[in-house]
PDB file of all heavy atoms in Angstrom:
ATOM      1  N   ILE A   1     115.175 125.695  81.592  1.00  0.00           N
ATOM      2  CA  ILE A   1     114.588 124.704  80.681  1.00  0.00           C
ATOM      3  C   ILE A   1     115.717 123.935  79.993  1.00  0.00           C
ATOM      4  O   ILE A   1     116.882 124.292  80.091  1.00  0.00           O
ATOM      5  CB  ILE A   1     113.680 125.348  79.614  1.00  0.00           C
ATOM      6  CG1 ILE A   1     114.468 126.361  78.760  1.00  0.00           C
ATOM      7  CG2 ILE A   1     112.467 126.007  80.254  1.00  0.00           C
ATOM      8  CD1 ILE A   1     113.688 126.896  77.572  1.00  0.00           C
ATOM      9  N   GLY A   2     115.336 122.874  79.280  1.00  0.00           N
ATOM     10  CA  GLY A   2     116.306 122.093  78.524  1.00  0.00           C
ATOM     11  C   GLY A   2     116.879 120.943  79.323  1.00  0.00           C
ATOM     12  O   GLY A   2     116.454 120.667  80.454  1.00  0.00           O
ATOM     13  N   ALA A   3     117.860 120.278  78.740  1.00  0.00           N
ATOM     14  CA  ALA A   3     118.484 119.106  79.354  1.00  0.00           C
ATOM     15  C   ALA A   3     119.947 119.059  78.947  1.00  0.00           C
ATOM     16  O   ALA A   3     120.377 119.756  78.026  1.00  0.00           O
ATOM     17  CB  ALA A   3     117.766 117.836  78.904  1.00  0.00           C
ATOM     18  N   HIS A   4     120.703 118.223  79.639  1.00  0.00           N
ATOM     19  CA  HIS A   4     122.103 118.050  79.269  1.00  0.00           C
ATOM     20  C   HIS A   4     122.177 117.525  77.835  1.00  0.00           C
ATOM     21  O   HIS A   4     121.359 116.685  77.429  1.00  0.00           O
ATOM     22  CB  HIS A   4     122.784 117.066  80.231  1.00  0.00           C
ATOM     23  CG  HIS A   4     124.271 117.108  80.134  1.00  0.00           C
ATOM     24  ND1 HIS A   4     124.982 116.316  79.245  1.00  0.00           N
ATOM     25  CD2 HIS A   4     125.194 117.864  80.798  1.00  0.00           C
ATOM     26  CE1 HIS A   4     126.269 116.570  79.383  1.00  0.00           C
ATOM     27  NE2 HIS A   4     126.425 117.506  80.310  1.00  0.00           N
ATOM     28  N   PRO A   5     123.132 118.010  77.033  1.00  0.00           N
ATOM     29  CA  PRO A   5     123.193 117.585  75.628  1.00  0.00           C
ATOM     30  C   PRO A   5     123.402 116.089  75.440  1.00  0.00           C
ATOM     31  O   PRO A   5     123.073 115.544  74.377  1.00  0.00           O
ATOM     32  CB  PRO A   5     124.373 118.393  75.055  1.00  0.00           C
ATOM     33  CG  PRO A   5     125.132 118.887  76.239  1.00  0.00           C
ATOM     34  CD  PRO A   5     124.143 119.045  77.341  1.00  0.00           C
ATOM     35  N   SER A   6     123.914 115.408  76.467  1.00  0.00           N
ATOM     36  CA  SER A   6     124.088 113.951  76.393  1.00  0.00           C
ATOM     37  C   SER A   6     122.764 113.206  76.486  1.00  0.00           C
ATOM     38  O   SER A   6     122.702 112.015  76.160  1.00  0.00           O
ATOM     39  CB  SER A   6     124.987 113.482  77.543  1.00  0.00           C
ATOM     40  OG  SER A   6     124.316 113.675  78.789  1.00  0.00           O
ATOM     41  N   ALA A   7     121.725 113.877  76.967  1.00  0.00           N
ATOM     42  CA  ALA A   7     120.409 113.272  77.252  1.00  0.00           C
ATOM     43  C   ALA A   7     120.490 112.223  78.359  1.00  0.00           C
ATOM     44  O   ALA A   7     119.613 111.366  78.473  1.00  0.00           O
ATOM     45  CB  ALA A   7     119.775 112.682  75.996  1.00  0.00           C
ATOM     46  N   HIS A   8     121.509 112.304  79.207  1.00  0.00           N
ATOM     47  CA  HIS A   8     121.592 111.409  80.370  1.00  0.00           C
ATOM     48  C   HIS A   8     120.842 111.971  81.579  1.00  0.00           C
ATOM     49  O   HIS A   8     120.423 111.209  82.453  1.00  0.00           O
ATOM     50  CB  HIS A   8     123.056 111.162  80.750  1.00  0.00           C
ATOM     51  CG  HIS A   8     123.771 110.235  79.817  1.00  0.00           C
ATOM     52  ND1 HIS A   8     123.306 108.970  79.519  1.00  0.00           N
ATOM     53  CD2 HIS A   8     124.934 110.391  79.124  1.00  0.00           C
ATOM     54  CE1 HIS A   8     124.143 108.383  78.681  1.00  0.00           C
ATOM     55  NE2 HIS A   8     125.138 109.225  78.425  1.00  0.00           N
ATOM     56  N   ILE A   9     120.705 113.295  81.651  1.00  0.00           N
ATOM     57  CA  ILE A   9     119.909 113.925  82.713  1.00  0.00           C
ATOM     58  C   ILE A   9     119.091 115.047  82.097  1.00  0.00           C
ATOM     59  O   ILE A   9     119.457 115.611  81.062  1.00  0.00           O
ATOM     60  CB  ILE A   9     120.764 114.468  83.882  1.00  0.00           C
ATOM     61  CG1 ILE A   9     121.804 115.472  83.383  1.00  0.00           C
ATOM     62  CG2 ILE A   9     121.422 113.338  84.656  1.00  0.00           C
ATOM     63  CD1 ILE A   9     122.578 116.174  84.491  1.00  0.00           C
ATOM     64  N   GLY A  10     117.983 115.361  82.758  1.00  0.00           N
ATOM     65  CA  GLY A  10     117.113 116.432  82.304  1.00  0.00           C
ATOM     66  C   GLY A  10     116.011 116.638  83.318  1.00  0.00           C
ATOM     67  O   GLY A  10     116.067 116.117  84.438  1.00  0.00           O
ATOM     68  N   GLU A  11     115.006 117.399  82.935  1.00  0.00           N
ATOM     69  CA  GLU A  11     113.883 117.644  83.839  1.00  0.00           C
ATOM     70  C   GLU A  11     113.011 116.400  83.879  1.00  0.00           C
ATOM     71  O   GLU A  11     112.541 115.926  82.846  1.00  0.00           O
ATOM     72  CB  GLU A  11     113.081 118.859  83.382  1.00  0.00           C
ATOM     73  CG  GLU A  11     112.086 119.331  84.410  1.00  0.00           C
ATOM     74  CD  GLU A  11     111.545 120.730  84.128  1.00  0.00           C
ATOM     75  OE1 GLU A  11     111.861 121.284  83.055  1.00  0.00           O
ATOM     76  OE2 GLU A  11     110.820 121.266  84.986  1.00  0.00           O
ATOM     77  N   LEU A  12     112.786 115.874  85.077  1.00  0.00           N
ATOM     78  CA  LEU A  12     112.091 114.604  85.243  1.00  0.00           C
ATOM     79  C   LEU A  12     110.990 114.750  86.285  1.00  0.00           C
ATOM     80  O   LEU A  12     111.094 114.250  87.404  1.00  0.00           O
ATOM     81  CB  LEU A  12     113.097 113.523  85.671  1.00  0.00           C
ATOM     82  CG  LEU A  12     112.669 112.061  85.552  1.00  0.00           C
ATOM     83  CD1 LEU A  12     112.370 111.700  84.103  1.00  0.00           C
ATOM     84  CD2 LEU A  12     113.761 111.150  86.103  1.00  0.00           C
ATOM     85  N   PRO A  13     109.908 115.444  85.933  1.00  0.00           N
ATOM     86  CA  PRO A  13     108.845 115.658  86.914  1.00  0.00           C
ATOM     87  C   PRO A  13     108.130 114.362  87.255  1.00  0.00           C
ATOM     88  O   PRO A  13     107.940 113.494  86.400  1.00  0.00           O
ATOM     89  CB  PRO A  13     107.901 116.630  86.203  1.00  0.00           C
ATOM     90  CG  PRO A  13     108.155 116.403  84.744  1.00  0.00           C
ATOM     91  CD  PRO A  13     109.598 116.026  84.623  1.00  0.00           C
ATOM     92  N   LEU A  14     107.747 114.248  88.519  1.00  0.00           N
ATOM     93  CA  LEU A  14     106.959 113.099  88.957  1.00  0.00           C
ATOM     94  C   LEU A  14     105.488 113.460  88.828  1.00  0.00           C
ATOM     95  O   LEU A  14     105.042 114.466  89.370  1.00  0.00           O
ATOM     96  CB  LEU A  14     107.303 112.725  90.400  1.00  0.00           C
ATOM     97  CG  LEU A  14     108.777 112.407  90.679  1.00  0.00           C
ATOM     98  CD1 LEU A  14     108.965 112.012  92.140  1.00  0.00           C
ATOM     99  CD2 LEU A  14     109.302 111.314  89.756  1.00  0.00           C
ATOM    100  N   GLY A  15     104.728 112.669  88.105  1.00  0.00           N
ATOM    101  CA  GLY A  15     103.320 112.978  87.884  1.00  0.00           C
ATOM    102  C   GLY A  15     103.155 114.017  86.784  1.00  0.00           C
ATOM    103  O   GLY A  15     103.980 114.134  85.872  1.00  0.00           O
ATOM    104  N   ILE A  16     102.093 114.803  86.879  1.00  0.00           N
ATOM    105  CA  ILE A  16     101.804 115.812  85.861  1.00  0.00           C
ATOM    106  C   ILE A  16     102.794 116.965  85.995  1.00  0.00           C
ATOM    107  O   ILE A  16     102.946 117.528  87.081  1.00  0.00           O
ATOM    108  CB  ILE A  16     100.365 116.336  86.006  1.00  0.00           C
ATOM    109  CG1 ILE A  16      99.362 115.195  85.803  1.00  0.00           C
ATOM    110  CG2 ILE A  16     100.090 117.452  85.001  1.00  0.00           C
ATOM    111  CD1 ILE A  16      97.921 115.590  86.072  1.00  0.00           C
ATOM    112  N   PRO A  17     103.485 117.338  84.919  1.00  0.00           N
ATOM    113  CA  PRO A  17     104.463 118.425  85.004  1.00  0.00           C
ATOM    114  C   PRO A  17     103.807 119.740  85.399  1.00  0.00           C
ATOM    115  O   PRO A  17     102.698 120.059  84.959  1.00  0.00           O
ATOM    116  CB  PRO A  17     105.032 118.505  83.584  1.00  0.00           C
ATOM    117  CG  PRO A  17     104.715 117.192  82.954  1.00  0.00           C
ATOM    118  CD  PRO A  17     103.427 116.746  83.574  1.00  0.00           C
ATOM    119  N   LEU A  18     104.517 120.517  86.201  1.00  0.00           N
ATOM    120  CA  LEU A  18     104.037 121.828  86.608  1.00  0.00           C
ATOM    121  C   LEU A  18     104.724 122.946  85.830  1.00  0.00           C
ATOM    122  O   LEU A  18     104.319 124.101  85.927  1.00  0.00           O
ATOM    123  CB  LEU A  18     104.253 122.023  88.114  1.00  0.00           C
ATOM    124  CG  LEU A  18     103.497 121.040  89.012  1.00  0.00           C
ATOM    125  CD1 LEU A  18     103.945 121.172  90.456  1.00  0.00           C
ATOM    126  CD2 LEU A  18     101.988 121.246  88.900  1.00  0.00           C
ATOM    127  N   ASN A  19     105.748 122.605  85.057  1.00  0.00           N
ATOM    128  CA  ASN A  19     106.470 123.578  84.254  1.00  0.00           C
ATOM    129  C   ASN A  19     106.130 123.412  82.771  1.00  0.00           C
ATOM    130  O   ASN A  19     105.775 122.318  82.322  1.00  0.00           O
ATOM    131  CB  ASN A  19     107.971 123.456  84.467  1.00  0.00           C
ATOM    132  CG  ASN A  19     108.377 123.808  85.885  1.00  0.00           C
ATOM    133  OD1 ASN A  19     107.741 124.626  86.542  1.00  0.00           O
ATOM    134  ND2 ASN A  19     109.438 123.176  86.375  1.00  0.00           N
ATOM    135  N   LEU A  20     106.283 124.487  82.041  1.00  0.00           N
ATOM    136  CA  LEU A  20     105.839 124.524  80.653  1.00  0.00           C
ATOM    137  C   LEU A  20     106.519 123.496  79.753  1.00  0.00           C
ATOM    138  O   LEU A  20     105.851 122.726  79.057  1.00  0.00           O
ATOM    139  CB  LEU A  20     106.067 125.939  80.097  1.00  0.00           C
ATOM    140  CG  LEU A  20     105.856 126.111  78.590  1.00  0.00           C
ATOM    141  CD1 LEU A  20     104.420 125.789  78.194  1.00  0.00           C
ATOM    142  CD2 LEU A  20     106.242 127.530  78.161  1.00  0.00           C
ATOM    143  N   VAL A  21     107.848 123.489  79.731  1.00  0.00           N
ATOM    144  CA  VAL A  21     108.545 122.712  78.701  1.00  0.00           C
ATOM    145  C   VAL A  21     108.359 121.201  78.857  1.00  0.00           C
ATOM    146  O   VAL A  21     108.088 120.523  77.870  1.00  0.00           O
ATOM    147  CB  VAL A  21     110.034 123.117  78.632  1.00  0.00           C
ATOM    148  CG1 VAL A  21     110.819 122.165  77.723  1.00  0.00           C
ATOM    149  CG2 VAL A  21     110.152 124.550  78.110  1.00  0.00           C
ATOM    150  N   PRO A  22     108.478 120.616  80.065  1.00  0.00           N
ATOM    151  CA  PRO A  22     108.210 119.173  80.136  1.00  0.00           C
ATOM    152  C   PRO A  22     106.770 118.822  79.801  1.00  0.00           C
ATOM    153  O   PRO A  22     106.504 117.749  79.236  1.00  0.00           O
ATOM    154  CB  PRO A  22     108.560 118.816  81.586  1.00  0.00           C
ATOM    155  CG  PRO A  22     108.553 120.096  82.325  1.00  0.00           C
ATOM    156  CD  PRO A  22     108.972 121.149  81.345  1.00  0.00           C
ATOM    157  N   TYR A  23     105.837 119.710  80.113  1.00  0.00           N
ATOM    158  CA  TYR A  23     104.440 119.462  79.720  1.00  0.00           C
ATOM    159  C   TYR A  23     104.332 119.481  78.198  1.00  0.00           C
ATOM    160  O   TYR A  23     103.646 118.648  77.590  1.00  0.00           O
ATOM    161  CB  TYR A  23     103.511 120.522  80.339  1.00  0.00           C
ATOM    162  CG  TYR A  23     102.094 120.043  80.551  1.00  0.00           C
ATOM    163  CD1 TYR A  23     101.535 119.982  81.817  1.00  0.00           C
ATOM    164  CD2 TYR A  23     101.307 119.636  79.476  1.00  0.00           C
ATOM    165  CE1 TYR A  23     100.241 119.534  82.015  1.00  0.00           C
ATOM    166  CE2 TYR A  23     100.010 119.184  79.659  1.00  0.00           C
ATOM    167  CZ  TYR A  23      99.485 119.139  80.929  1.00  0.00           C
ATOM    168  OH  TYR A  23      98.199 118.688  81.126  1.00  0.00           O
ATOM    169  N   LEU A  24     105.044 120.410  77.576  1.00  0.00           N
ATOM    170  CA  LEU A  24     105.045 120.506  76.119  1.00  0.00           C
ATOM    171  C   LEU A  24     105.627 119.251  75.477  1.00  0.00           C
ATOM    172  O   LEU A  24     105.028 118.660  74.568  1.00  0.00           O
ATOM    173  CB  LEU A  24     105.841 121.753  75.701  1.00  0.00           C
ATOM    174  CG  LEU A  24     105.881 122.151  74.232  1.00  0.00           C
ATOM    175  CD1 LEU A  24     106.209 123.635  74.113  1.00  0.00           C
ATOM    176  CD2 LEU A  24     106.912 121.354  73.448  1.00  0.00           C
ATOM    177  N   THR A  25     106.808 118.832  75.956  1.00  0.00           N
ATOM    178  CA  THR A  25     107.445 117.659  75.346  1.00  0.00           C
ATOM    179  C   THR A  25     106.639 116.385  75.588  1.00  0.00           C
ATOM    180  O   THR A  25     106.558 115.520  74.717  1.00  0.00           O
ATOM    181  CB  THR A  25     108.885 117.483  75.856  1.00  0.00           C
ATOM    182  OG1 THR A  25     108.890 117.340  77.279  1.00  0.00           O
ATOM    183  CG2 THR A  25     109.756 118.667  75.460  1.00  0.00           C
ATOM    184  N   GLN A  26     106.019 116.262  76.758  1.00  0.00           N
ATOM    185  CA  GLN A  26     105.188 115.095  77.032  1.00  0.00           C
ATOM    186  C   GLN A  26     103.948 115.079  76.147  1.00  0.00           C
ATOM    187  O   GLN A  26     103.460 114.010  75.755  1.00  0.00           O
ATOM    188  CB  GLN A  26     104.789 115.049  78.506  1.00  0.00           C
ATOM    189  CG  GLN A  26     105.926 114.671  79.436  1.00  0.00           C
ATOM    190  CD  GLN A  26     105.470 114.394  80.854  1.00  0.00           C
ATOM    191  OE1 GLN A  26     104.285 114.272  81.134  1.00  0.00           O
ATOM    192  NE2 GLN A  26     106.422 114.294  81.771  1.00  0.00           N
ATOM    193  N   THR A  27     103.430 116.263  75.827  1.00  0.00           N
ATOM    194  CA  THR A  27     102.289 116.344  74.919  1.00  0.00           C
ATOM    195  C   THR A  27     102.685 115.885  73.515  1.00  0.00           C
ATOM    196  O   THR A  27     101.988 115.084  72.883  1.00  0.00           O
ATOM    197  CB  THR A  27     101.748 117.783  74.866  1.00  0.00           C
ATOM    198  OG1 THR A  27     101.297 118.163  76.168  1.00  0.00           O
ATOM    199  CG2 THR A  27     100.593 117.899  73.883  1.00  0.00           C
ATOM    200  N   VAL A  28     103.813 116.380  73.038  1.00  0.00           N
ATOM    201  CA  VAL A  28     104.243 116.059  71.679  1.00  0.00           C
ATOM    202  C   VAL A  28     104.554 114.578  71.538  1.00  0.00           C
ATOM    203  O   VAL A  28     104.254 113.955  70.510  1.00  0.00           O
ATOM    204  CB  VAL A  28     105.456 116.921  71.282  1.00  0.00           C
ATOM    205  CG1 VAL A  28     106.006 116.486  69.930  1.00  0.00           C
ATOM    206  CG2 VAL A  28     105.068 118.398  71.251  1.00  0.00           C
ATOM    207  N   ILE A  29     105.111 113.976  72.591  1.00  0.00           N
ATOM    208  CA  ILE A  29     105.470 112.556  72.488  1.00  0.00           C
ATOM    209  C   ILE A  29     104.280 111.635  72.719  1.00  0.00           C
ATOM    210  O   ILE A  29     104.362 110.427  72.499  1.00  0.00           O
ATOM    211  CB  ILE A  29     106.628 112.220  73.451  1.00  0.00           C
ATOM    212  CG1 ILE A  29     107.499 111.101  72.868  1.00  0.00           C
ATOM    213  CG2 ILE A  29     106.122 111.846  74.850  1.00  0.00           C
ATOM    214  CD1 ILE A  29     108.856 110.967  73.510  1.00  0.00           C
ATOM    215  N   GLY A  30     103.174 112.206  73.198  1.00  0.00           N
ATOM    216  CA  GLY A  30     101.950 111.425  73.336  1.00  0.00           C
ATOM    217  C   GLY A  30     101.567 111.042  74.746  1.00  0.00           C
ATOM    218  O   GLY A  30     100.576 110.334  74.947  1.00  0.00           O
ATOM    219  N   LYS A  31     102.298 111.528  75.743  1.00  0.00           N
ATOM    220  CA  LYS A  31     101.946 111.208  77.127  1.00  0.00           C
ATOM    221  C   LYS A  31     100.757 112.042  77.609  1.00  0.00           C
ATOM    222  O   LYS A  31     100.043 111.644  78.526  1.00  0.00           O
ATOM    223  CB  LYS A  31     103.151 111.471  78.050  1.00  0.00           C
ATOM    224  CG  LYS A  31     104.322 110.534  77.863  1.00  0.00           C
ATOM    225  CD  LYS A  31     105.435 110.894  78.836  1.00  0.00           C
ATOM    226  CE  LYS A  31     106.655 109.994  78.647  1.00  0.00           C
ATOM    227  NZ  LYS A  31     107.759 110.393  79.553  1.00  0.00           N
ATOM    228  N   ARG A  32     100.575 113.216  77.033  1.00  0.00           N
ATOM    229  CA  ARG A  32      99.489 114.118  77.402  1.00  0.00           C
ATOM    230  C   ARG A  32      98.662 114.430  76.157  1.00  0.00           C
ATOM    231  O   ARG A  32      99.227 114.542  75.059  1.00  0.00           O
ATOM    232  CB  ARG A  32     100.027 115.439  77.987  1.00  0.00           C
ATOM    233  CG  ARG A  32     101.056 115.259  79.089  1.00  0.00           C
ATOM    234  CD  ARG A  32     100.448 114.823  80.392  1.00  0.00           C
ATOM    235  NE  ARG A  32     101.480 114.351  81.310  1.00  0.00           N
ATOM    236  CZ  ARG A  32     101.243 113.642  82.401  1.00  0.00           C
ATOM    237  NH1 ARG A  32      99.986 113.332  82.715  1.00  0.00           N
ATOM    238  NH2 ARG A  32     102.225 113.226  83.180  1.00  0.00           N
ATOM    239  N   PRO A  33      97.345 114.590  76.294  1.00  0.00           N
ATOM    240  CA  PRO A  33      96.517 114.857  75.111  1.00  0.00           C
ATOM    241  C   PRO A  33      96.724 116.234  74.525  1.00  0.00           C
ATOM    242  O   PRO A  33      96.562 116.433  73.311  1.00  0.00           O
ATOM    243  CB  PRO A  33      95.080 114.692  75.632  1.00  0.00           C
ATOM    244  CG  PRO A  33      95.182 114.935  77.109  1.00  0.00           C
ATOM    245  CD  PRO A  33      96.530 114.411  77.513  1.00  0.00           C
ATOM    246  N   GLU A  34      97.083 117.200  75.366  1.00  0.00           N
ATOM    247  CA  GLU A  34      97.257 118.570  74.888  1.00  0.00           C
ATOM    248  C   GLU A  34      98.087 119.356  75.894  1.00  0.00           C
ATOM    249  O   GLU A  34      98.175 119.005  77.073  1.00  0.00           O
ATOM    250  CB  GLU A  34      95.898 119.264  74.721  1.00  0.00           C
ATOM    251  CG  GLU A  34      95.142 119.411  76.032  1.00  0.00           C
ATOM    252  CD  GLU A  34      93.728 119.930  75.874  1.00  0.00           C
ATOM    253  OE1 GLU A  34      93.240 119.986  74.720  1.00  0.00           O
ATOM    254  OE2 GLU A  34      93.108 120.271  76.899  1.00  0.00           O
ATOM    255  N   LEU A  35      98.726 120.409  75.390  1.00  0.00           N
ATOM    256  CA  LEU A  35      99.443 121.342  76.263  1.00  0.00           C
ATOM    257  C   LEU A  35      98.453 122.383  76.760  1.00  0.00           C
ATOM    258  O   LEU A  35      97.791 123.061  75.965  1.00  0.00           O
ATOM    259  CB  LEU A  35     100.575 122.022  75.493  1.00  0.00           C
ATOM    260  CG  LEU A  35     101.273 123.190  76.213  1.00  0.00           C
ATOM    261  CD1 LEU A  35     101.975 122.711  77.474  1.00  0.00           C
ATOM    262  CD2 LEU A  35     102.241 123.889  75.274  1.00  0.00           C
ATOM    263  N   ARG A  36      98.337 122.504  78.059  1.00  0.00           N
ATOM    264  CA  ARG A  36      97.466 123.511  78.636  1.00  0.00           C
ATOM    265  C   ARG A  36      98.220 124.834  78.765  1.00  0.00           C
ATOM    266  O   ARG A  36      99.222 124.910  79.470  1.00  0.00           O
ATOM    267  CB  ARG A  36      96.963 123.062  80.005  1.00  0.00           C
ATOM    268  CG  ARG A  36      96.098 121.808  79.958  1.00  0.00           C
ATOM    269  CD  ARG A  36      95.558 121.488  81.341  1.00  0.00           C
ATOM    270  NE  ARG A  36      94.624 120.366  81.306  1.00  0.00           N
ATOM    271  CZ  ARG A  36      93.859 120.001  82.338  1.00  0.00           C
ATOM    272  NH1 ARG A  36      93.943 120.667  83.488  1.00  0.00           N
ATOM    273  NH2 ARG A  36      93.029 118.988  82.222  1.00  0.00           N
TER     274      ARG A  36
END
């Protein structure tokens, strides 16, 4: 989990994330209505 501290690279799922943390961050930023 996590990303490079520079924020130049990180987990970049295409479509709906299948892993917990990107789904979580996308929910918090407003891309997803809720974390499943």
